[in-house]
C-alpha atoms as a PDB file:
ATOM      1  CA  MET A   1     -70.394  21.025 148.198  1.00  0.00           C
ATOM      2  CA  ASP A   2     -69.041  18.707 150.900  1.00  0.00           C
ATOM      3  CA  ILE A   3     -67.812  21.729 152.879  1.00  0.00           C
ATOM      4  CA  PHE A   4     -71.203  23.401 152.518  1.00  0.00           C
ATOM      5  CA  LEU A   5     -73.052  20.296 153.736  1.00  0.00           C
ATOM      6  CA  GLN A   6     -70.594  19.929 156.622  1.00  0.00           C
ATOM      7  CA  GLN A   7     -71.262  23.499 157.698  1.00  0.00           C
ATOM      8  CA  ILE A   8     -75.023  22.939 157.469  1.00  0.00           C
ATOM      9  CA  PHE A   9     -74.724  19.892 159.727  1.00  0.00           C
ATOM     10  CA  ASN A  10     -72.521  21.773 162.197  1.00  0.00           C
ATOM     11  CA  GLY A  11     -75.066  24.586 162.168  1.00  0.00           C
ATOM     12  CA  LEU A  12     -77.921  22.218 162.958  1.00  0.00           C
ATOM     13  CA  VAL A  13     -75.977  20.867 165.940  1.00  0.00           C
ATOM     14  CA  LEU A  14     -75.204  24.367 167.191  1.00  0.00           C
ATOM     15  CA  GLY A  15     -78.724  25.574 166.471  1.00  0.00           C
ATOM     16  CA  SER A  16     -80.246  22.683 168.402  1.00  0.00           C
ATOM     17  CA  VAL A  17     -78.453  23.860 171.534  1.00  0.00           C
ATOM     18  CA  TYR A  18     -79.540  27.455 170.925  1.00  0.00           C
ATOM     19  CA  ALA A  19     -83.125  26.294 170.413  1.00  0.00           C
ATOM     20  CA  MET A  20     -83.201  24.364 173.685  1.00  0.00           C
ATOM     21  CA  VAL A  21     -82.008  27.405 175.618  1.00  0.00           C
ATOM     22  CA  ALA A  22     -84.224  29.785 173.612  1.00  0.00           C
ATOM     23  CA  LEU A  23     -87.282  27.788 174.657  1.00  0.00           C
ATOM     24  CA  GLY A  24     -86.587  28.732 178.261  1.00  0.00           C
ATOM     25  CA  TYR A  25     -86.383  32.414 177.320  1.00  0.00           C
ATOM     26  CA  THR A  26     -89.551  32.353 175.250  1.00  0.00           C
ATOM     27  CA  MET A  27     -91.675  30.422 177.792  1.00  0.00           C
ATOM     28  CA  VAL A  28     -90.726  32.764 180.634  1.00  0.00           C
ATOM     29  CA  TYR A  29     -91.297  35.825 178.480  1.00  0.00           C
ATOM     30  CA  GLY A  30     -94.658  34.534 177.277  1.00  0.00           C
ATOM     31  CA  ILE A  31     -95.932  34.207 180.848  1.00  0.00           C
ATOM     32  CA  LEU A  32     -94.045  36.895 182.789  1.00  0.00           C
ATOM     33  CA  GLN A  33     -92.982  39.347 180.056  1.00  0.00           C
ATOM     34  CA  LEU A  34     -89.495  38.925 181.529  1.00  0.00           C
ATOM     35  CA  ILE A  35     -86.165  38.383 179.768  1.00  0.00           C
ATOM     36  CA  ASN A  36     -84.393  36.021 182.158  1.00  0.00           C
ATOM     37  CA  PHE A  37     -80.768  36.845 181.412  1.00  0.00           C
ATOM     38  CA  ALA A  38     -79.684  34.436 184.163  1.00  0.00           C
ATOM     39  CA  HIS A  39     -80.899  31.532 182.006  1.00  0.00           C
ATOM     40  CA  GLY A  40     -77.498  31.047 180.367  1.00  0.00           C
ATOM     41  CA  GLU A  41     -75.959  30.586 183.799  1.00  0.00           C
ATOM     42  CA  VAL A  42     -78.415  27.753 184.475  1.00  0.00           C
ATOM     43  CA  LEU A  43     -76.870  26.022 181.434  1.00  0.00           C
ATOM     44  CA  MET A  44     -73.417  26.581 182.929  1.00  0.00           C
ATOM     45  CA  ILE A  45     -74.447  25.183 186.310  1.00  0.00           C
ATOM     46  CA  GLY A  46     -75.975  22.153 184.577  1.00  0.00           C
ATOM     47  CA  ALA A  47     -72.599  21.517 182.947  1.00  0.00           C
ATOM     48  CA  MET A  48     -70.750  22.032 186.249  1.00  0.00           C
ATOM     49  CA  VAL A  49     -73.031  19.651 188.146  1.00  0.00           C
ATOM     50  CA  SER A  50     -72.717  17.096 185.342  1.00  0.00           C
ATOM     51  CA  LEU A  51     -68.914  17.296 185.525  1.00  0.00           C
ATOM     52  CA  LEU A  52     -69.018  16.845 189.303  1.00  0.00           C
ATOM     53  CA  VAL A  53     -71.298  13.808 189.025  1.00  0.00           C
ATOM     54  CA  VAL A  54     -69.211  12.192 186.275  1.00  0.00           C
ATOM     55  CA  SER A  55     -65.930  12.835 188.132  1.00  0.00           C
ATOM     56  CA  VAL A  56     -67.225  11.399 191.414  1.00  0.00           C
ATOM     57  CA  LEU A  57     -68.714   8.309 189.780  1.00  0.00           C
ATOM     58  CA  GLN A  58     -65.610   7.661 187.685  1.00  0.00           C
ATOM     59  CA  ALA A  59     -63.463   7.802 190.819  1.00  0.00           C
ATOM     60  CA  ALA A  60     -65.813   5.699 192.938  1.00  0.00           C
ATOM     61  CA  PHE A  61     -66.948   3.215 190.268  1.00  0.00           C
ATOM     62  CA  PRO A  62     -64.287   3.056 187.517  1.00  0.00           C
ATOM     63  CA  GLU A  63     -66.027   0.095 185.887  1.00  0.00           C
ATOM     64  CA  LEU A  64     -69.250   2.060 185.347  1.00  0.00           C
ATOM     65  CA  GLY A  65     -70.133   2.451 181.664  1.00  0.00           C
ATOM     66  CA  ASN A  66     -70.309   5.827 179.947  1.00  0.00           C
ATOM     67  CA  VAL A  67     -74.023   5.472 179.239  1.00  0.00           C
ATOM     68  CA  TRP A  68     -74.719   5.183 182.950  1.00  0.00           C
ATOM     69  CA  LEU A  69     -72.481   8.175 183.630  1.00  0.00           C
ATOM     70  CA  ILE A  70     -74.477  10.300 181.167  1.00  0.00           C
ATOM     71  CA  LEU A  71     -77.785   9.147 182.643  1.00  0.00           C
ATOM     72  CA  ALA A  72     -76.578   9.839 186.179  1.00  0.00           C
ATOM     73  CA  ALA A  73     -75.452  13.324 185.160  1.00  0.00           C
ATOM     74  CA  VAL A  74     -78.893  14.033 183.678  1.00  0.00           C
ATOM     75  CA  VAL A  75     -80.753  12.610 186.682  1.00  0.00           C
ATOM     76  CA  ILE A  76     -78.849  14.855 189.095  1.00  0.00           C
ATOM     77  CA  ALA A  77     -78.175  17.983 187.011  1.00  0.00           C
ATOM     78  CA  VAL A  78     -81.763  18.450 185.816  1.00  0.00           C
ATOM     79  CA  PRO A  79     -83.403  18.502 189.299  1.00  0.00           C
ATOM     80  CA  ALA A  80     -80.548  20.661 190.621  1.00  0.00           C
ATOM     81  CA  CYS A  81     -81.099  23.276 187.902  1.00  0.00           C
ATOM     82  CA  MET A  82     -84.875  23.086 188.294  1.00  0.00           C
ATOM     83  CA  PHE A  83     -84.557  23.733 192.021  1.00  0.00           C
ATOM     84  CA  LEU A  84     -82.125  26.598 191.407  1.00  0.00           C
ATOM     85  CA  SER A  85     -84.416  28.188 188.824  1.00  0.00           C
ATOM     86  CA  ALA A  86     -87.457  27.903 191.110  1.00  0.00           C
ATOM     87  CA  LEU A  87     -85.409  29.497 193.901  1.00  0.00           C
ATOM     88  CA  ILE A  88     -84.371  32.382 191.623  1.00  0.00           C
ATOM     89  CA  GLU A  89     -87.975  32.953 190.601  1.00  0.00           C
ATOM     90  CA  ARG A  90     -89.195  32.897 194.200  1.00  0.00           C
ATOM     91  CA  LEU A  91     -86.502  35.111 195.726  1.00  0.00           C
ATOM     92  CA  ALA A  92     -85.487  37.470 192.919  1.00  0.00           C
ATOM     93  CA  TYR A  93     -88.382  37.823 190.478  1.00  0.00           C
ATOM     94  CA  ARG A  94     -91.635  37.219 192.349  1.00  0.00           C
ATOM     95  CA  PRO A  95     -91.186  40.130 194.800  1.00  0.00           C
ATOM     96  CA  LEU A  96     -90.734  42.458 191.797  1.00  0.00           C
ATOM     97  CA  ARG A  97     -93.713  41.209 189.804  1.00  0.00           C
ATOM     98  CA  ASN A  98     -95.509  44.564 189.945  1.00  0.00           C
ATOM     99  CA  ALA A  99     -92.327  46.619 189.635  1.00  0.00           C
ATOM    100  CA  PRO A 100     -91.320  48.401 186.413  1.00  0.00           C
ATOM    101  CA  ARG A 101     -89.860  46.090 183.765  1.00  0.00           C
ATOM    102  CA  LEU A 102     -86.506  47.833 184.033  1.00  0.00           C
ATOM    103  CA  SER A 103     -86.226  46.642 187.632  1.00  0.00           C
ATOM    104  CA  LEU A 104     -86.791  43.045 186.547  1.00  0.00           C
ATOM    105  CA  LEU A 105     -84.254  43.397 183.736  1.00  0.00           C
ATOM    106  CA  ILE A 106     -81.589  44.767 186.086  1.00  0.00           C
ATOM    107  CA  THR A 107     -82.358  41.994 188.574  1.00  0.00           C
ATOM    108  CA  ALA A 108     -81.975  39.336 185.861  1.00  0.00           C
ATOM    109  CA  ILE A 109     -78.591  40.739 184.823  1.00  0.00           C
ATOM    110  CA  GLY A 110     -77.578  40.896 188.470  1.00  0.00           C
ATOM    111  CA  MET A 111     -78.547  37.255 189.010  1.00  0.00           C
ATOM    112  CA  SER A 112     -76.413  36.296 186.018  1.00  0.00           C
ATOM    113  CA  ILE A 113     -73.371  38.023 187.516  1.00  0.00           C
ATOM    114  CA  VAL A 114     -74.039  36.588 190.989  1.00  0.00           C
ATOM    115  CA  LEU A 115     -74.282  33.011 189.678  1.00  0.00           C
ATOM    116  CA  GLN A 116     -71.111  33.372 187.616  1.00  0.00           C
ATOM    117  CA  THR A 117     -69.211  34.774 190.588  1.00  0.00           C
ATOM    118  CA  LEU A 118     -70.433  32.100 193.011  1.00  0.00           C
ATOM    119  CA  VAL A 119     -69.410  29.304 190.654  1.00  0.00           C
ATOM    120  CA  MET A 120     -66.019  30.962 190.109  1.00  0.00           C
ATOM    121  CA  ILE A 121     -65.469  31.190 193.882  1.00  0.00           C
ATOM    122  CA  ILE A 122     -66.568  27.615 194.534  1.00  0.00           C
ATOM    123  CA  GLY A 123     -65.024  25.897 191.513  1.00  0.00           C
ATOM    124  CA  GLY A 124     -62.147  28.202 190.676  1.00  0.00           C
ATOM    125  CA  PRO A 125     -61.560  30.457 187.666  1.00  0.00           C
ATOM    126  CA  ASN A 126     -59.723  27.948 185.483  1.00  0.00           C
ATOM    127  CA  PRO A 127     -61.489  25.907 182.772  1.00  0.00           C
ATOM    128  CA  LYS A 128     -62.043  22.242 183.572  1.00  0.00           C
ATOM    129  CA  THR A 129     -61.808  19.338 181.160  1.00  0.00           C
ATOM    130  CA  PHE A 130     -64.954  17.302 180.621  1.00  0.00           C
ATOM    131  CA  PRO A 131     -64.109  13.646 179.816  1.00  0.00           C
ATOM    132  CA  ASP A 132     -65.064  12.000 176.537  1.00  0.00           C
ATOM    133  CA  LEU A 133     -68.151   9.889 177.202  1.00  0.00           C
ATOM    134  CA  MET A 134     -68.879   9.087 173.554  1.00  0.00           C
ATOM    135  CA  PRO A 135     -66.771   7.452 170.804  1.00  0.00           C
ATOM    136  CA  THR A 136     -64.562  10.010 169.084  1.00  0.00           C
ATOM    137  CA  THR A 137     -64.407   8.357 165.644  1.00  0.00           C
ATOM    138  CA  PRO A 138     -66.671  10.316 163.277  1.00  0.00           C
ATOM    139  CA  ILE A 139     -69.197   8.694 160.965  1.00  0.00           C
ATOM    140  CA  GLU A 140     -69.088   9.732 157.293  1.00  0.00           C
ATOM    141  CA  VAL A 141     -72.394  10.130 155.455  1.00  0.00           C
ATOM    142  CA  ALA A 142     -72.384  11.617 151.932  1.00  0.00           C
ATOM    143  CA  GLY A 143     -69.121  13.407 152.611  1.00  0.00           C
ATOM    144  CA  VAL A 144     -70.313  14.832 155.940  1.00  0.00           C
ATOM    145  CA  TYR A 145     -68.435  13.810 159.073  1.00  0.00           C
ATOM    146  CA  MET A 146     -70.711  13.366 162.063  1.00  0.00           C
ATOM    147  CA  ALA A 147     -69.283  12.784 165.518  1.00  0.00           C
ATOM    148  CA  PRO A 148     -71.414  10.485 167.713  1.00  0.00           C
ATOM    149  CA  LYS A 149     -71.751  13.235 170.317  1.00  0.00           C
ATOM    150  CA  GLN A 150     -73.083  15.590 167.635  1.00  0.00           C
ATOM    151  CA  LEU A 151     -75.684  13.025 166.633  1.00  0.00           C
ATOM    152  CA  LEU A 152     -76.606  12.650 170.305  1.00  0.00           C
ATOM    153  CA  ILE A 153     -77.153  16.415 170.531  1.00  0.00           C
ATOM    154  CA  LEU A 154     -79.475  16.349 167.513  1.00  0.00           C
ATOM    155  CA  VAL A 155     -81.499  13.378 168.773  1.00  0.00           C
ATOM    156  CA  VAL A 156     -81.832  14.574 172.379  1.00  0.00           C
ATOM    157  CA  ALA A 157     -82.598  18.164 171.391  1.00  0.00           C
ATOM    158  CA  ALA A 158     -85.229  17.100 168.851  1.00  0.00           C
ATOM    159  CA  ALA A 159     -86.887  14.735 171.341  1.00  0.00           C
ATOM    160  CA  MET A 160     -86.973  17.296 174.164  1.00  0.00           C
ATOM    161  CA  MET A 161     -88.205  20.133 171.967  1.00  0.00           C
ATOM    162  CA  ALA A 162     -90.935  17.956 170.459  1.00  0.00           C
ATOM    163  CA  GLY A 163     -91.938  16.748 173.927  1.00  0.00           C
ATOM    164  CA  LEU A 164     -92.144  20.308 175.220  1.00  0.00           C
ATOM    165  CA  ILE A 165     -94.342  21.424 172.329  1.00  0.00           C
ATOM    166  CA  VAL A 166     -96.667  18.464 172.944  1.00  0.00           C
ATOM    167  CA  LEU A 167     -96.751  19.289 176.661  1.00  0.00           C
ATOM    168  CA  ILE A 168     -97.724  22.902 175.991  1.00  0.00           C
ATOM    169  CA  GLN A 169    -100.335  22.075 173.361  1.00  0.00           C
ATOM    170  CA  LYS A 170    -101.899  18.867 174.696  1.00  0.00           C
ATOM    171  CA  THR A 171    -101.645  18.700 178.495  1.00  0.00           C
ATOM    172  CA  ILE A 172    -103.446  20.323 181.420  1.00  0.00           C
ATOM    173  CA  LEU A 173    -100.238  22.069 182.492  1.00  0.00           C
ATOM    174  CA  GLY A 174     -99.785  23.393 178.975  1.00  0.00           C
ATOM    175  CA  ARG A 175    -103.307  24.788 178.919  1.00  0.00           C
ATOM    176  CA  ALA A 176    -102.694  26.398 182.298  1.00  0.00           C
ATOM    177  CA  MET A 177     -99.482  27.982 180.995  1.00  0.00           C
ATOM    178  CA  ARG A 178    -101.282  29.375 177.958  1.00  0.00           C
ATOM    179  CA  ALA A 179    -104.117  30.642 180.146  1.00  0.00           C
ATOM    180  CA  VAL A 180    -101.752  32.487 182.491  1.00  0.00           C
ATOM    181  CA  ALA A 181     -99.884  33.951 179.514  1.00  0.00           C
ATOM    182  CA  GLU A 182    -103.187  35.198 178.037  1.00  0.00           C
ATOM    183  CA  ASN A 183    -104.881  36.551 181.171  1.00  0.00           C
ATOM    184  CA  PRO A 184    -103.612  35.718 184.692  1.00  0.00           C
ATOM    185  CA  ARG A 185    -106.733  37.084 186.435  1.00  0.00           C
ATOM    186  CA  MET A 186    -109.105  35.056 184.295  1.00  0.00           C
ATOM    187  CA  ALA A 187    -106.930  31.975 184.752  1.00  0.00           C
ATOM    188  CA  THR A 188    -107.217  32.442 188.531  1.00  0.00           C
ATOM    189  CA  LEU A 189    -111.006  32.509 188.262  1.00  0.00           C
ATOM    190  CA  MET A 190    -110.816  29.201 186.358  1.00  0.00           C
ATOM    191  CA  GLY A 191    -108.942  27.550 189.235  1.00  0.00           C
ATOM    192  CA  VAL A 192    -105.386  28.002 187.959  1.00  0.00           C
ATOM    193  CA  ASN A 193    -102.681  29.064 190.404  1.00  0.00           C
ATOM    194  CA  PRO A 194    -100.561  31.587 188.417  1.00  0.00           C
ATOM    195  CA  ASP A 195     -97.646  31.537 190.873  1.00  0.00           C
ATOM    196  CA  ARG A 196     -97.403  27.765 190.647  1.00  0.00           C
ATOM    197  CA  VAL A 197     -97.598  27.856 186.838  1.00  0.00           C
ATOM    198  CA  ARG A 198     -94.894  30.513 186.657  1.00  0.00           C
ATOM    199  CA  ALA A 199     -92.598  28.499 188.927  1.00  0.00           C
ATOM    200  CA  LEU A 200     -93.172  25.360 186.847  1.00  0.00           C
ATOM    201  CA  THR A 201     -92.415  27.329 183.695  1.00  0.00           C
ATOM    202  CA  PHE A 202     -89.071  28.414 185.122  1.00  0.00           C
ATOM    203  CA  MET A 203     -88.358  24.814 186.095  1.00  0.00           C
ATOM    204  CA  LEU A 204     -89.194  23.432 182.652  1.00  0.00           C
ATOM    205  CA  GLY A 205     -86.889  25.946 181.013  1.00  0.00           C
ATOM    206  CA  ALA A 206     -84.168  25.065 183.537  1.00  0.00           C
ATOM    207  CA  ALA A 207     -84.502  21.358 182.716  1.00  0.00           C
ATOM    208  CA  LEU A 208     -83.871  22.096 179.047  1.00  0.00           C
ATOM    209  CA  ALA A 209     -80.926  24.341 179.940  1.00  0.00           C
ATOM    210  CA  ALA A 210     -79.408  21.661 182.191  1.00  0.00           C
ATOM    211  CA  VAL A 211     -79.515  19.077 179.412  1.00  0.00           C
ATOM    212  CA  ALA A 212     -78.111  21.653 176.993  1.00  0.00           C
ATOM    213  CA  GLY A 213     -75.270  22.331 179.438  1.00  0.00           C
ATOM    214  CA  LEU A 214     -74.358  18.657 179.575  1.00  0.00           C
ATOM    215  CA  LEU A 215     -74.482  18.382 175.762  1.00  0.00           C
ATOM    216  CA  VAL A 216     -72.306  21.479 175.312  1.00  0.00           C
ATOM    217  CA  ALA A 217     -69.773  20.162 177.832  1.00  0.00           C
ATOM    218  CA  MET A 218     -69.667  16.798 176.044  1.00  0.00           C
ATOM    219  CA  ASN A 219     -69.305  18.471 172.651  1.00  0.00           C
ATOM    220  CA  TYR A 220     -66.464  20.852 173.552  1.00  0.00           C
ATOM    221  CA  ASN A 221     -64.928  18.823 176.426  1.00  0.00           C
ATOM    222  CA  ILE A 222     -64.562  21.907 178.573  1.00  0.00           C
ATOM    223  CA  VAL A 223     -66.484  23.546 181.417  1.00  0.00           C
ATOM    224  CA  HIS A 224     -65.989  27.134 182.578  1.00  0.00           C
ATOM    225  CA  PHE A 225     -67.888  29.556 184.794  1.00  0.00           C
ATOM    226  CA  THR A 226     -68.506  31.909 181.842  1.00  0.00           C
ATOM    227  CA  MET A 227     -69.544  29.202 179.372  1.00  0.00           C
ATOM    228  CA  GLY A 228     -73.248  30.054 179.627  1.00  0.00           C
ATOM    229  CA  PHE A 229     -72.953  33.757 178.890  1.00  0.00           C
ATOM    230  CA  MET A 230     -72.504  33.702 175.111  1.00  0.00           C
ATOM    231  CA  PRO A 231     -74.898  30.774 174.431  1.00  0.00           C
ATOM    232  CA  GLY A 232     -77.433  32.605 176.581  1.00  0.00           C
ATOM    233  CA  LEU A 233     -77.123  35.791 174.515  1.00  0.00           C
ATOM    234  CA  LYS A 234     -77.337  33.857 171.258  1.00  0.00           C
ATOM    235  CA  ALA A 235     -80.345  31.880 172.478  1.00  0.00           C
ATOM    236  CA  PHE A 236     -82.005  35.204 173.322  1.00  0.00           C
ATOM    237  CA  THR A 237     -81.215  36.325 169.770  1.00  0.00           C
ATOM    238  CA  ALA A 238     -82.741  33.104 168.464  1.00  0.00           C
ATOM    239  CA  ALA A 239     -85.889  33.694 170.520  1.00  0.00           C
ATOM    240  CA  VAL A 240     -86.200  37.227 169.122  1.00  0.00           C
ATOM    241  CA  LEU A 241     -85.539  35.974 165.591  1.00  0.00           C
ATOM    242  CA  GLY A 242     -88.296  33.374 165.797  1.00  0.00           C
ATOM    243  CA  GLY A 243     -90.691  35.589 167.754  1.00  0.00           C
ATOM    244  CA  ILE A 244     -90.152  35.752 171.500  1.00  0.00           C
ATOM    245  CA  GLY A 245     -93.073  34.211 173.337  1.00  0.00           C
ATOM    246  CA  ASN A 246     -93.646  31.796 170.424  1.00  0.00           C
ATOM    247  CA  VAL A 247     -92.449  28.239 171.157  1.00  0.00           C
ATOM    248  CA  PRO A 248     -92.145  27.002 167.528  1.00  0.00           C
ATOM    249  CA  GLY A 249     -90.512  30.345 166.748  1.00  0.00           C
ATOM    250  CA  ALA A 250     -87.783  29.691 169.329  1.00  0.00           C
ATOM    251  CA  VAL A 251     -86.997  26.353 167.681  1.00  0.00           C
ATOM    252  CA  LEU A 252     -86.954  27.893 164.203  1.00  0.00           C
ATOM    253  CA  GLY A 253     -84.864  30.841 165.348  1.00  0.00           C
ATOM    254  CA  GLY A 254     -82.321  28.612 167.067  1.00  0.00           C
ATOM    255  CA  LEU A 255     -81.832  26.381 164.037  1.00  0.00           C
ATOM    256  CA  LEU A 256     -81.612  29.310 161.615  1.00  0.00           C
ATOM    257  CA  LEU A 257     -79.139  31.157 163.817  1.00  0.00           C
ATOM    258  CA  GLY A 258     -76.954  28.068 164.222  1.00  0.00           C
ATOM    259  CA  ILE A 259     -76.845  27.461 160.458  1.00  0.00           C
ATOM    260  CA  LEU A 260     -76.133  31.127 159.727  1.00  0.00           C
ATOM    261  CA  GLU A 261     -73.338  31.234 162.279  1.00  0.00           C
ATOM    262  CA  SER A 262     -71.786  28.010 161.007  1.00  0.00           C
ATOM    263  CA  LEU A 263     -71.910  29.126 157.367  1.00  0.00           C
ATOM    264  CA  GLY A 264     -70.502  32.506 158.351  1.00  0.00           C
ATOM    265  CA  ALA A 265     -67.607  30.902 160.220  1.00  0.00           C
ATOM    266  CA  GLY A 266     -66.877  28.691 157.205  1.00  0.00           C
ATOM    267  CA  TYR A 267     -66.986  31.368 154.512  1.00  0.00           C
ATOM    268  CA  ILE A 268     -66.320  34.738 156.157  1.00  0.00           C
ATOM    269  CA  GLU A 269     -62.597  34.525 155.426  1.00  0.00           C
ATOM    270  CA  ASP A 270     -63.241  33.985 151.708  1.00  0.00           C
ATOM    271  CA  PHE A 271     -65.851  36.751 151.547  1.00  0.00           C
ATOM    272  CA  THR A 272     -63.595  39.298 153.250  1.00  0.00           C
ATOM    273  CA  GLY A 273     -60.380  38.299 151.486  1.00  0.00           C
ATOM    274  CA  GLY A 274     -58.815  37.116 154.723  1.00  0.00           C
ATOM    275  CA  PHE A 275     -59.608  40.342 156.599  1.00  0.00           C
ATOM    276  CA  LEU A 276     -61.926  38.490 159.039  1.00  0.00           C
ATOM    277  CA  GLY A 277     -61.422  34.944 160.272  1.00  0.00           C
ATOM    278  CA  SER A 278     -63.753  32.263 161.602  1.00  0.00           C
ATOM    279  CA  HIS A 279     -63.297  33.563 165.158  1.00  0.00           C
ATOM    280  CA  TYR A 280     -65.507  36.501 164.172  1.00  0.00           C
ATOM    281  CA  GLN A 281     -68.528  34.215 163.855  1.00  0.00           C
ATOM    282  CA  ASP A 282     -70.260  35.880 166.821  1.00  0.00           C
ATOM    283  CA  ILE A 283     -70.917  39.021 164.793  1.00  0.00           C
ATOM    284  CA  PHE A 284     -73.539  37.169 162.752  1.00  0.00           C
ATOM    285  CA  ALA A 285     -75.796  36.508 165.742  1.00  0.00           C
ATOM    286  CA  PHE A 286     -75.857  40.141 166.805  1.00  0.00           C
ATOM    287  CA  ALA A 287     -76.112  41.451 163.244  1.00  0.00           C
ATOM    288  CA  VAL A 288     -79.215  39.271 162.882  1.00  0.00           C
ATOM    289  CA  LEU A 289     -80.593  40.635 166.177  1.00  0.00           C
ATOM    290  CA  ILE A 290     -80.195  44.231 164.984  1.00  0.00           C
ATOM    291  CA  LEU A 291     -81.695  43.432 161.576  1.00  0.00           C
ATOM    292  CA  VAL A 292     -84.712  41.648 163.033  1.00  0.00           C
ATOM    293  CA  LEU A 293     -85.400  44.449 165.509  1.00  0.00           C
ATOM    294  CA  LEU A 294     -85.242  46.981 162.661  1.00  0.00           C
ATOM    295  CA  VAL A 295     -87.280  45.074 160.075  1.00  0.00           C
ATOM    296  CA  ARG A 296     -89.670  42.854 162.050  1.00  0.00           C
ATOM    297  CA  PRO A 297     -89.447  43.361 165.823  1.00  0.00           C
ATOM    298  CA  SER A 298     -92.070  40.667 166.427  1.00  0.00           C
ATOM    299  CA  GLY A 299     -89.850  37.991 164.820  1.00  0.00           C
ATOM    300  CA  LEU A 300     -90.457  35.519 162.014  1.00  0.00           C
ATOM    301  CA  LEU A 301     -93.400  33.758 163.664  1.00  0.00           C
ATOM    302  CA  GLY A 302     -94.404  36.536 166.039  1.00  0.00           C
ATOM    303  CA  GLU A 303     -97.666  38.401 165.789  1.00  0.00           C
ATOM    304  CA  ARG A 304     -97.504  41.854 164.277  1.00  0.00           C
ATOM    305  CA  VAL A 305     -99.021  44.641 166.353  1.00  0.00           C
ATOM    306  CA  ALA A 306    -100.993  45.768 163.323  1.00  0.00           C
ATOM    307  CA  ASP A 307    -102.385  42.240 162.906  1.00  0.00           C
ATOM    308  CA  ARG A 308    -103.763  42.236 166.458  1.00  0.00           C
ATOM    309  CA  ALA A 309    -105.333  45.628 165.992  1.00  0.00           C
END
């Protein structure tokens, strides 16, 4: 039972990261009907910028506390990723707004490759070590070992996801986002600027991805130019699982996918008699994607086409 509870906790930590990234996918899709496959690279750049900030501050101010280092990384990485995401939207996606969806999809994949390659050229191809900024001694609760950095991921992810849902449901910007997602022309007649709302949507998703990048770097203590690719794909799977375009669905899908992946990694070796090991945990995310697309393409919380008719 202790192993099962440990895997559930690990899955919640992993799923919280997926959910934060999936929110960026689902918000952009809800407004633009676009799958922004470059979103995972925004996570990677957030981690890279955070590492740069922490390294510079540690060298310049060695007496600076770790809490201040984390805050400084957030303060710089989040605006940097927001600016980058707004730039991508303005230069790569906005000119193709009336183009076929396949053109947008190819452009998104191209942006992902371009960002990976630029970071590899600038920072080098080798992985970089991210310093420990949190205590490494785990806390034991009911037989479950919880590292302080894992608890930080849960708290920060929960706070940011809850804040985003409140923003979308209760604020003027949130109403504008929902209006543009429902009918851009009608929203324009009501005084809403769709281009501005779309850019802000990209920037909000980028802010979440930047924080997720910092949390992933702190959790695994490594930064690499390809580190955003697989989390980006799994976050997309989480968004589809929950119902892409549905904000609560992205959160639910991320948490469920993280738990499923963690349980699979913990028990797949026993289930297969040692034929498959824990390093095959990625198959669960894509098996879920195929299953959801076959059984309920709209996702768990998505609206069925028949229901709308």
